[in-house]
N, C-alpha and C. Protein backbone atom coordinates (compact mmCIF):
# COMPACT_ATOMS: atom_id res chain seq x y z
N UNK A 1 -2.42 -224.02 -49.42
CA UNK A 1 -1.38 -223.26 -50.23
C UNK A 1 -1.53 -223.71 -51.73
N UNK A 2 -1.35 -222.83 -52.63
CA UNK A 2 -1.39 -223.23 -54.00
C UNK A 2 -0.23 -222.86 -54.82
N UNK A 3 0.37 -223.81 -55.56
CA UNK A 3 1.46 -223.56 -56.34
C UNK A 3 1.08 -223.87 -57.85
N UNK A 4 1.42 -222.96 -58.80
CA UNK A 4 1.07 -223.24 -60.10
C UNK A 4 2.33 -222.89 -60.95
N UNK A 5 2.38 -223.54 -62.10
CA UNK A 5 3.31 -223.04 -63.17
C UNK A 5 2.52 -222.59 -64.25
N UNK A 6 2.66 -221.24 -64.56
CA UNK A 6 1.85 -220.59 -65.61
C UNK A 6 1.80 -221.42 -67.00
N UNK A 7 2.82 -222.14 -67.39
CA UNK A 7 2.83 -222.93 -68.61
C UNK A 7 2.04 -224.15 -68.50
N UNK A 8 1.80 -224.64 -67.33
CA UNK A 8 1.19 -225.91 -67.46
C UNK A 8 -0.12 -226.10 -66.52
N UNK A 9 -0.50 -224.86 -65.90
CA UNK A 9 -1.70 -225.01 -65.04
C UNK A 9 -2.84 -225.47 -65.93
N UNK A 10 -3.80 -226.29 -65.42
CA UNK A 10 -4.85 -226.74 -66.24
C UNK A 10 -6.02 -225.76 -66.04
N UNK A 11 -6.36 -225.12 -67.17
CA UNK A 11 -7.45 -224.06 -67.14
C UNK A 11 -8.93 -224.69 -67.63
N UNK A 12 -9.87 -224.12 -67.09
CA UNK A 12 -11.19 -224.68 -67.48
C UNK A 12 -12.05 -223.54 -67.92
N UNK A 13 -13.16 -223.91 -68.73
CA UNK A 13 -13.98 -223.01 -69.32
C UNK A 13 -14.60 -222.03 -68.14
N UNK A 14 -14.58 -220.83 -68.41
CA UNK A 14 -14.91 -219.67 -67.54
C UNK A 14 -16.26 -219.01 -67.95
N UNK A 15 -16.02 -218.45 -69.21
CA UNK A 15 -17.15 -217.84 -70.01
C UNK A 15 -16.72 -218.00 -71.46
N UNK A 16 -17.56 -217.70 -72.42
CA UNK A 16 -17.19 -217.85 -73.84
C UNK A 16 -15.85 -216.97 -74.19
N UNK A 17 -14.81 -217.70 -74.65
CA UNK A 17 -13.54 -217.12 -75.05
C UNK A 17 -12.63 -217.01 -73.97
N UNK A 18 -12.95 -217.47 -72.80
CA UNK A 18 -11.95 -217.35 -71.54
C UNK A 18 -11.96 -218.66 -70.88
N UNK A 19 -10.63 -219.07 -70.72
CA UNK A 19 -10.38 -220.22 -69.82
C UNK A 19 -9.80 -219.64 -68.42
N UNK A 20 -9.98 -220.35 -67.33
CA UNK A 20 -9.46 -219.79 -66.15
C UNK A 20 -9.19 -220.81 -65.15
N UNK A 21 -8.33 -220.58 -64.11
CA UNK A 21 -8.20 -221.43 -62.93
C UNK A 21 -8.01 -220.43 -61.88
N UNK A 22 -8.76 -220.51 -60.73
CA UNK A 22 -8.83 -219.64 -59.67
C UNK A 22 -8.42 -220.25 -58.31
N UNK A 23 -7.62 -219.61 -57.56
CA UNK A 23 -7.34 -219.94 -56.18
C UNK A 23 -8.06 -218.84 -55.33
N UNK A 24 -9.05 -219.37 -54.48
CA UNK A 24 -9.82 -218.34 -53.73
C UNK A 24 -9.60 -218.48 -52.23
N UNK A 25 -8.97 -217.48 -51.65
CA UNK A 25 -8.67 -217.34 -50.31
C UNK A 25 -9.70 -216.53 -49.46
N UNK A 26 -9.49 -216.32 -48.21
CA UNK A 26 -10.35 -215.50 -47.40
C UNK A 26 -10.45 -214.03 -47.81
N UNK A 27 -9.28 -213.51 -48.48
CA UNK A 27 -9.35 -212.14 -48.82
C UNK A 27 -9.12 -211.94 -50.21
N UNK A 28 -8.28 -212.79 -50.98
CA UNK A 28 -7.85 -212.52 -52.33
C UNK A 28 -8.36 -213.70 -53.22
N UNK A 29 -8.43 -213.28 -54.50
CA UNK A 29 -8.63 -214.26 -55.63
C UNK A 29 -7.46 -214.10 -56.58
N UNK A 30 -6.80 -215.27 -56.80
CA UNK A 30 -5.70 -215.27 -57.81
C UNK A 30 -6.18 -216.11 -58.99
N UNK A 31 -6.30 -215.59 -60.21
CA UNK A 31 -6.72 -216.22 -61.25
C UNK A 31 -5.70 -216.21 -62.52
N UNK A 32 -5.55 -217.39 -63.06
CA UNK A 32 -4.75 -217.52 -64.32
C UNK A 32 -5.79 -217.59 -65.39
N UNK A 33 -5.66 -216.75 -66.47
CA UNK A 33 -6.79 -216.78 -67.39
C UNK A 33 -6.09 -216.76 -68.78
N UNK A 34 -6.71 -217.54 -69.70
CA UNK A 34 -6.26 -217.43 -71.14
C UNK A 34 -7.53 -216.90 -71.89
N UNK A 35 -7.19 -215.91 -72.71
CA UNK A 35 -8.34 -215.22 -73.40
C UNK A 35 -7.96 -215.45 -74.89
N UNK A 36 -9.04 -215.98 -75.54
CA UNK A 36 -8.84 -216.29 -76.98
C UNK A 36 -8.68 -214.98 -77.78
N UNK A 37 -8.17 -215.24 -79.04
CA UNK A 37 -8.02 -214.08 -79.99
C UNK A 37 -9.35 -213.34 -80.32
N UNK A 38 -9.25 -212.09 -80.69
CA UNK A 38 -10.33 -211.35 -81.12
C UNK A 38 -11.49 -211.24 -80.09
N UNK A 39 -11.09 -211.12 -78.85
CA UNK A 39 -12.16 -210.94 -77.77
C UNK A 39 -12.08 -209.58 -77.28
N UNK A 40 -13.08 -209.09 -76.57
CA UNK A 40 -13.05 -207.75 -76.01
C UNK A 40 -14.07 -207.58 -74.85
N UNK A 41 -13.63 -206.77 -73.98
CA UNK A 41 -14.56 -206.31 -72.78
C UNK A 41 -14.64 -204.88 -73.03
N UNK A 42 -15.84 -204.33 -73.28
CA UNK A 42 -15.93 -202.95 -73.52
C UNK A 42 -15.88 -202.01 -72.35
N UNK A 43 -15.90 -202.74 -71.24
CA UNK A 43 -15.60 -201.87 -69.94
C UNK A 43 -16.53 -202.17 -68.81
N UNK A 44 -16.12 -202.20 -67.60
CA UNK A 44 -16.78 -202.50 -66.52
C UNK A 44 -16.11 -201.79 -65.15
N UNK A 45 -16.81 -201.85 -64.13
CA UNK A 45 -16.24 -201.26 -62.82
C UNK A 45 -16.26 -202.20 -61.67
N UNK A 46 -15.38 -202.22 -60.80
CA UNK A 46 -15.44 -202.95 -59.56
C UNK A 46 -15.22 -202.04 -58.34
N UNK A 47 -15.60 -202.54 -57.23
CA UNK A 47 -15.55 -201.76 -56.07
C UNK A 47 -14.23 -202.11 -55.30
N UNK A 48 -13.38 -202.91 -55.91
CA UNK A 48 -11.98 -203.34 -55.33
C UNK A 48 -10.99 -203.10 -56.40
N UNK A 49 -9.77 -203.00 -55.86
CA UNK A 49 -8.51 -202.87 -56.59
C UNK A 49 -8.29 -204.29 -57.36
N UNK A 50 -7.65 -204.24 -58.52
CA UNK A 50 -7.37 -205.32 -59.38
C UNK A 50 -6.00 -205.21 -59.93
N UNK A 51 -5.09 -206.20 -59.97
CA UNK A 51 -3.81 -206.09 -60.54
C UNK A 51 -3.41 -207.40 -61.27
N UNK A 52 -2.39 -207.27 -62.03
CA UNK A 52 -1.89 -208.53 -62.59
C UNK A 52 -0.79 -208.35 -63.57
N UNK A 53 -0.33 -209.42 -64.08
CA UNK A 53 0.80 -209.41 -65.04
C UNK A 53 0.40 -210.26 -66.30
N UNK A 54 0.78 -209.78 -67.38
CA UNK A 54 0.66 -210.42 -68.79
C UNK A 54 1.69 -211.57 -68.84
N UNK A 55 1.25 -212.83 -69.00
CA UNK A 55 2.17 -213.90 -69.11
C UNK A 55 2.57 -214.05 -70.49
N UNK A 56 1.51 -214.01 -71.30
CA UNK A 56 1.67 -214.10 -72.91
C UNK A 56 0.76 -213.06 -73.48
N UNK A 57 1.34 -212.21 -74.38
CA UNK A 57 0.42 -211.07 -74.89
C UNK A 57 0.45 -211.17 -76.35
N UNK A 58 0.11 -209.93 -77.01
CA UNK A 58 -0.32 -208.75 -76.39
C UNK A 58 -1.82 -208.72 -76.14
N UNK A 59 -2.14 -207.63 -75.26
CA UNK A 59 -3.45 -207.28 -74.86
C UNK A 59 -3.46 -205.75 -74.81
N UNK A 60 -4.65 -205.19 -75.32
CA UNK A 60 -4.80 -203.81 -75.13
C UNK A 60 -5.74 -203.59 -73.85
N UNK A 61 -5.31 -202.97 -72.87
CA UNK A 61 -6.19 -202.63 -71.68
C UNK A 61 -6.36 -201.08 -71.60
N UNK A 62 -7.49 -200.60 -71.02
CA UNK A 62 -7.66 -199.31 -70.71
C UNK A 62 -8.26 -199.16 -69.33
N UNK A 63 -7.83 -198.18 -68.54
CA UNK A 63 -8.43 -197.58 -67.37
C UNK A 63 -8.80 -196.18 -67.49
N UNK A 64 -10.10 -195.94 -67.39
CA UNK A 64 -10.75 -194.63 -67.74
C UNK A 64 -10.26 -194.27 -69.16
N UNK A 65 -9.54 -193.19 -69.31
CA UNK A 65 -9.11 -192.74 -70.76
C UNK A 65 -7.70 -193.21 -71.07
N UNK A 66 -6.94 -193.87 -70.08
CA UNK A 66 -5.57 -194.36 -70.30
C UNK A 66 -5.64 -195.70 -71.00
N UNK A 67 -5.16 -195.87 -72.22
CA UNK A 67 -5.29 -197.04 -73.05
C UNK A 67 -3.85 -197.48 -73.41
N UNK A 68 -3.34 -198.70 -73.09
CA UNK A 68 -2.16 -199.26 -73.27
C UNK A 68 -2.09 -200.66 -73.96
N UNK A 69 -0.97 -200.76 -74.67
CA UNK A 69 -0.80 -202.13 -75.33
C UNK A 69 0.18 -202.90 -74.41
N UNK A 70 -0.09 -203.93 -73.78
CA UNK A 70 0.74 -204.69 -72.79
C UNK A 70 1.24 -205.97 -73.55
N UNK A 71 2.42 -206.29 -73.28
CA UNK A 71 3.01 -207.52 -73.70
C UNK A 71 3.52 -208.43 -72.61
N UNK A 72 3.97 -209.53 -72.81
CA UNK A 72 4.46 -210.44 -71.78
C UNK A 72 5.38 -209.74 -70.82
N UNK A 73 5.18 -210.07 -69.50
CA UNK A 73 5.95 -209.52 -68.43
C UNK A 73 5.62 -208.16 -67.98
N UNK A 74 4.51 -207.58 -68.66
CA UNK A 74 4.14 -206.22 -68.26
C UNK A 74 2.98 -206.37 -67.30
N UNK A 75 2.93 -205.45 -66.31
CA UNK A 75 1.92 -205.48 -65.25
C UNK A 75 0.94 -204.23 -65.35
N UNK A 76 -0.26 -204.44 -64.73
CA UNK A 76 -1.28 -203.52 -64.68
C UNK A 76 -1.89 -203.49 -63.30
N UNK A 77 -2.29 -202.21 -62.93
CA UNK A 77 -3.01 -201.96 -61.56
C UNK A 77 -4.25 -201.20 -62.02
N UNK A 78 -5.41 -201.68 -61.41
CA UNK A 78 -6.74 -200.98 -61.78
C UNK A 78 -7.17 -200.59 -60.41
N UNK A 79 -7.35 -199.29 -60.09
CA UNK A 79 -7.90 -198.85 -58.84
C UNK A 79 -9.39 -199.14 -58.66
N UNK A 80 -9.83 -199.40 -57.59
CA UNK A 80 -11.34 -199.48 -57.37
C UNK A 80 -12.13 -198.27 -57.94
N UNK A 81 -13.21 -198.58 -58.53
CA UNK A 81 -14.08 -197.62 -59.12
C UNK A 81 -13.82 -196.98 -60.38
N UNK A 82 -12.67 -197.53 -61.00
CA UNK A 82 -12.25 -196.98 -62.38
C UNK A 82 -12.74 -197.98 -63.47
N UNK A 83 -13.33 -197.33 -64.48
CA UNK A 83 -13.86 -198.12 -65.61
C UNK A 83 -12.72 -198.67 -66.35
N UNK A 84 -12.72 -200.05 -66.66
CA UNK A 84 -11.68 -200.63 -67.37
C UNK A 84 -12.08 -201.78 -68.31
N UNK A 85 -11.35 -202.16 -69.18
CA UNK A 85 -11.63 -203.18 -70.12
C UNK A 85 -10.46 -203.58 -70.91
N UNK A 86 -10.53 -204.37 -71.95
CA UNK A 86 -9.37 -204.99 -72.73
C UNK A 86 -9.92 -205.47 -74.01
N UNK A 87 -8.89 -205.72 -74.84
CA UNK A 87 -9.17 -206.41 -76.28
C UNK A 87 -7.94 -207.13 -76.55
N UNK A 88 -8.22 -208.39 -77.13
CA UNK A 88 -7.12 -209.19 -77.58
C UNK A 88 -7.16 -209.04 -79.18
N UNK A 89 -6.08 -209.56 -79.84
CA UNK A 89 -5.83 -209.42 -81.16
C UNK A 89 -5.81 -210.84 -81.78
N UNK A 90 -4.72 -211.22 -82.56
CA UNK A 90 -4.85 -212.39 -83.40
C UNK A 90 -4.18 -213.56 -82.69
N UNK A 91 -3.83 -213.48 -81.37
CA UNK A 91 -3.18 -214.62 -80.56
C UNK A 91 -3.85 -214.56 -79.18
N UNK A 92 -3.90 -215.79 -78.62
CA UNK A 92 -4.38 -215.89 -77.23
C UNK A 92 -3.47 -215.06 -76.31
N UNK A 93 -4.12 -214.63 -75.14
CA UNK A 93 -3.40 -214.01 -74.12
C UNK A 93 -3.55 -214.75 -72.82
N UNK A 94 -2.47 -214.75 -72.04
CA UNK A 94 -2.63 -215.32 -70.73
C UNK A 94 -2.15 -214.36 -69.67
N UNK A 95 -3.08 -214.26 -68.59
CA UNK A 95 -2.74 -213.30 -67.57
C UNK A 95 -2.89 -213.94 -66.17
N UNK A 96 -2.16 -213.47 -65.31
CA UNK A 96 -2.26 -213.79 -63.92
C UNK A 96 -2.84 -212.55 -63.21
N UNK A 97 -4.16 -212.60 -62.78
CA UNK A 97 -4.91 -211.57 -62.22
C UNK A 97 -5.16 -211.75 -60.71
N UNK A 98 -5.03 -210.61 -59.95
CA UNK A 98 -5.26 -210.88 -58.49
C UNK A 98 -6.28 -209.63 -58.08
N UNK A 99 -7.32 -210.05 -57.31
CA UNK A 99 -8.15 -209.08 -56.86
C UNK A 99 -8.73 -209.53 -55.51
N UNK A 100 -9.39 -208.58 -54.79
CA UNK A 100 -9.97 -208.74 -53.45
C UNK A 100 -11.19 -209.60 -53.70
N UNK A 101 -11.24 -210.53 -52.77
CA UNK A 101 -12.50 -211.38 -52.76
C UNK A 101 -13.64 -210.54 -52.18
N UNK A 102 -14.80 -210.58 -52.77
CA UNK A 102 -15.95 -209.83 -52.34
C UNK A 102 -16.72 -210.67 -51.38
N UNK A 103 -17.44 -210.09 -50.40
CA UNK A 103 -18.34 -210.88 -49.42
C UNK A 103 -19.49 -211.47 -50.32
N UNK A 104 -19.86 -212.57 -49.92
CA UNK A 104 -21.07 -213.31 -50.64
C UNK A 104 -22.29 -212.72 -49.91
N UNK A 105 -23.32 -212.30 -50.77
CA UNK A 105 -24.59 -211.96 -50.29
C UNK A 105 -25.02 -210.50 -50.60
């Protein structure tokens, strides 16, 4: 069992501009991520559903053609197979993201 406090969880380098801490179970992955200012993901697709909540915002997210500005305490749900991405602005963003763990191999 894993317990975190979003304000004090120790994040580690994940990729350029993103710090992360993940708890990986048999079926789910829960990740707390901090994304640096002025970062973007132009879009990608997963074969699994993904959801989360913005802990500190703002962040612009899109799912297909639906584009939204999300702030702290706002949630998102991304259905499997939908192209999605995001963009940060002049402040870091912290998210709690949950998705299905994919089989290895």
